[in-house]
N, C-alpha and C. Protein backbone atom coordinates (compact mmCIF):
# COMPACT_ATOMS: atom_id res chain seq x y z
N MET A 1 -4.41 -34.46 7.50
CA MET A 1 -4.21 -33.26 8.28
C MET A 1 -2.72 -32.98 8.38
N LEU A 2 -2.38 -31.70 8.51
CA LEU A 2 -0.99 -31.30 8.64
C LEU A 2 -0.41 -31.86 9.94
N THR A 3 0.88 -31.78 10.06
CA THR A 3 1.53 -32.27 11.27
C THR A 3 1.19 -31.34 12.43
N LEU A 4 0.50 -31.88 13.42
CA LEU A 4 0.12 -31.12 14.61
C LEU A 4 0.50 -31.92 15.84
N GLU A 5 0.70 -31.21 16.93
CA GLU A 5 0.90 -31.92 18.18
C GLU A 5 -0.35 -32.72 18.49
N ARG A 6 -0.17 -33.80 19.21
CA ARG A 6 -1.28 -34.70 19.50
C ARG A 6 -2.44 -33.99 20.20
N LYS A 7 -2.14 -33.18 21.21
CA LYS A 7 -3.20 -32.48 21.95
C LYS A 7 -3.95 -31.51 21.05
N LEU A 8 -3.22 -30.80 20.20
CA LEU A 8 -3.86 -29.86 19.29
C LEU A 8 -4.72 -30.59 18.27
N HIS A 9 -4.23 -31.69 17.77
CA HIS A 9 -5.00 -32.49 16.82
C HIS A 9 -6.31 -32.97 17.46
N MET A 10 -6.24 -33.39 18.71
CA MET A 10 -7.44 -33.84 19.41
C MET A 10 -8.42 -32.69 19.60
N ARG A 11 -7.91 -31.49 19.88
CA ARG A 11 -8.80 -30.32 20.04
C ARG A 11 -9.49 -29.98 18.72
N VAL A 12 -8.75 -30.06 17.63
CA VAL A 12 -9.33 -29.79 16.30
C VAL A 12 -10.39 -30.85 16.00
N ARG A 13 -10.08 -32.09 16.27
CA ARG A 13 -11.02 -33.18 16.01
C ARG A 13 -12.30 -33.00 16.83
N THR A 14 -12.15 -32.66 18.11
CA THR A 14 -13.30 -32.47 18.99
C THR A 14 -14.15 -31.29 18.50
N ALA A 15 -13.50 -30.18 18.18
CA ALA A 15 -14.23 -29.00 17.70
C ALA A 15 -14.97 -29.32 16.41
N ALA A 16 -14.32 -30.03 15.52
CA ALA A 16 -14.95 -30.39 14.24
C ALA A 16 -16.19 -31.24 14.48
N ARG A 17 -16.07 -32.20 15.37
CA ARG A 17 -17.21 -33.07 15.66
C ARG A 17 -18.35 -32.27 16.29
N GLU A 18 -18.03 -31.41 17.26
CA GLU A 18 -19.07 -30.63 17.94
C GLU A 18 -19.72 -29.61 17.03
N LEU A 19 -18.95 -29.05 16.10
CA LEU A 19 -19.49 -28.04 15.18
C LEU A 19 -20.08 -28.63 13.91
N GLY A 20 -19.83 -29.91 13.69
CA GLY A 20 -20.32 -30.55 12.48
C GLY A 20 -19.60 -30.08 11.23
N LEU A 21 -18.32 -29.75 11.39
CA LEU A 21 -17.51 -29.26 10.27
C LEU A 21 -16.36 -30.22 10.02
N PRO A 22 -15.83 -30.21 8.81
CA PRO A 22 -14.63 -31.01 8.54
C PRO A 22 -13.43 -30.46 9.34
N GLU A 23 -12.54 -31.35 9.72
CA GLU A 23 -11.36 -30.93 10.49
C GLU A 23 -10.57 -29.86 9.74
N ARG A 24 -10.42 -30.03 8.44
CA ARG A 24 -9.66 -29.06 7.65
C ARG A 24 -10.27 -27.67 7.74
N GLU A 25 -11.60 -27.58 7.72
CA GLU A 25 -12.25 -26.26 7.80
C GLU A 25 -12.03 -25.63 9.17
N VAL A 26 -12.12 -26.42 10.22
CA VAL A 26 -11.87 -25.91 11.57
C VAL A 26 -10.44 -25.38 11.65
N LEU A 27 -9.51 -26.13 11.15
CA LEU A 27 -8.11 -25.73 11.18
C LEU A 27 -7.88 -24.48 10.34
N ASN A 28 -8.45 -24.43 9.14
CA ASN A 28 -8.30 -23.25 8.27
C ASN A 28 -8.87 -21.99 8.93
N ARG A 29 -10.04 -22.12 9.53
CA ARG A 29 -10.64 -20.96 10.19
C ARG A 29 -9.82 -20.51 11.39
N ALA A 30 -9.31 -21.46 12.15
CA ALA A 30 -8.50 -21.13 13.32
C ALA A 30 -7.22 -20.41 12.90
N VAL A 31 -6.56 -20.92 11.88
CA VAL A 31 -5.32 -20.30 11.42
C VAL A 31 -5.61 -18.92 10.84
N SER A 32 -6.67 -18.79 10.05
CA SER A 32 -7.03 -17.49 9.48
C SER A 32 -7.32 -16.47 10.57
N SER A 33 -8.06 -16.88 11.57
CA SER A 33 -8.38 -16.00 12.69
C SER A 33 -7.12 -15.59 13.43
N TYR A 34 -6.24 -16.53 13.68
CA TYR A 34 -4.99 -16.25 14.38
C TYR A 34 -4.11 -15.29 13.59
N LEU A 35 -4.00 -15.50 12.28
CA LEU A 35 -3.17 -14.63 11.46
C LEU A 35 -3.74 -13.21 11.42
N LEU A 36 -5.06 -13.08 11.35
CA LEU A 36 -5.69 -11.77 11.37
C LEU A 36 -5.38 -11.07 12.70
N GLU A 37 -5.46 -11.80 13.78
CA GLU A 37 -5.15 -11.24 15.10
C GLU A 37 -3.70 -10.77 15.16
N LEU A 38 -2.78 -11.55 14.61
CA LEU A 38 -1.38 -11.15 14.58
C LEU A 38 -1.17 -9.88 13.76
N GLU A 39 -1.86 -9.78 12.63
CA GLU A 39 -1.74 -8.59 11.79
C GLU A 39 -2.26 -7.36 12.53
N GLU A 40 -3.39 -7.50 13.23
CA GLU A 40 -3.95 -6.39 13.98
C GLU A 40 -3.01 -5.99 15.13
N TRP A 41 -2.40 -6.98 15.78
CA TRP A 41 -1.47 -6.70 16.85
C TRP A 41 -0.26 -5.95 16.32
N GLN A 42 0.23 -6.34 15.14
CA GLN A 42 1.37 -5.67 14.53
C GLN A 42 1.03 -4.22 14.19
N LEU A 43 -0.17 -3.97 13.66
CA LEU A 43 -0.58 -2.61 13.35
C LEU A 43 -0.66 -1.76 14.61
N LEU A 44 -1.19 -2.32 15.68
CA LEU A 44 -1.26 -1.60 16.95
C LEU A 44 0.14 -1.29 17.46
N LYS A 45 1.02 -2.25 17.37
CA LYS A 45 2.40 -2.06 17.81
C LYS A 45 3.07 -0.92 17.04
N GLU A 46 2.86 -0.89 15.72
CA GLU A 46 3.42 0.18 14.89
C GLU A 46 2.82 1.53 15.26
N GLU A 47 1.52 1.58 15.51
CA GLU A 47 0.86 2.83 15.87
C GLU A 47 1.39 3.34 17.22
N LEU A 48 1.54 2.45 18.17
CA LEU A 48 2.07 2.86 19.48
C LEU A 48 3.50 3.37 19.36
N ARG A 49 4.29 2.75 18.49
CA ARG A 49 5.66 3.22 18.28
C ARG A 49 5.65 4.63 17.68
N MET A 50 4.75 4.87 16.72
CA MET A 50 4.65 6.20 16.12
C MET A 50 4.25 7.23 17.17
N TRP A 51 3.32 6.87 18.06
CA TRP A 51 2.91 7.79 19.12
C TRP A 51 4.09 8.09 20.05
N ASP A 52 4.92 7.10 20.33
CA ASP A 52 6.11 7.30 21.16
C ASP A 52 7.06 8.29 20.51
N VAL A 53 7.26 8.14 19.20
CA VAL A 53 8.15 9.05 18.48
C VAL A 53 7.59 10.47 18.52
N LEU A 54 6.31 10.62 18.23
CA LEU A 54 5.70 11.95 18.25
C LEU A 54 5.74 12.57 19.63
N SER A 55 5.51 11.75 20.64
CA SER A 55 5.56 12.24 22.01
C SER A 55 6.96 12.71 22.37
N ALA A 56 7.96 11.96 21.97
CA ALA A 56 9.35 12.34 22.25
C ALA A 56 9.70 13.65 21.55
N LYS A 57 9.24 13.82 20.32
CA LYS A 57 9.50 15.07 19.59
C LYS A 57 8.81 16.24 20.27
N ALA A 58 7.57 16.05 20.69
CA ALA A 58 6.84 17.12 21.36
C ALA A 58 7.51 17.48 22.68
N LEU A 59 7.97 16.50 23.41
CA LEU A 59 8.63 16.73 24.67
C LEU A 59 9.93 17.48 24.47
N THR A 60 10.67 17.13 23.42
CA THR A 60 11.92 17.82 23.11
C THR A 60 11.64 19.28 22.80
N LYS A 61 10.63 19.58 22.02
CA LYS A 61 10.29 20.97 21.68
C LYS A 61 9.85 21.74 22.93
N TYR A 62 9.16 21.07 23.82
CA TYR A 62 8.66 21.71 25.03
C TYR A 62 9.82 22.09 25.96
N LYS A 63 10.83 21.22 26.03
CA LYS A 63 11.96 21.46 26.90
C LYS A 63 12.85 22.58 26.39
N LEU A 64 12.80 22.84 25.09
CA LEU A 64 13.64 23.91 24.52
C LEU A 64 13.02 25.20 24.81
């Protein structure tokens, strides 16, 4: 297994045992899920920034 903190390693080991899966598969699924969540968060962040820009432009036009 990759270098993990002791507590995290124990959580992976426990989950693997309870799910009947190899530790590597539990870790791969967890990392894949986490990375997907980060990508979705980044897309949301970009979309909100675009809305802020559009809102600022609309507000500027309204004030003129």
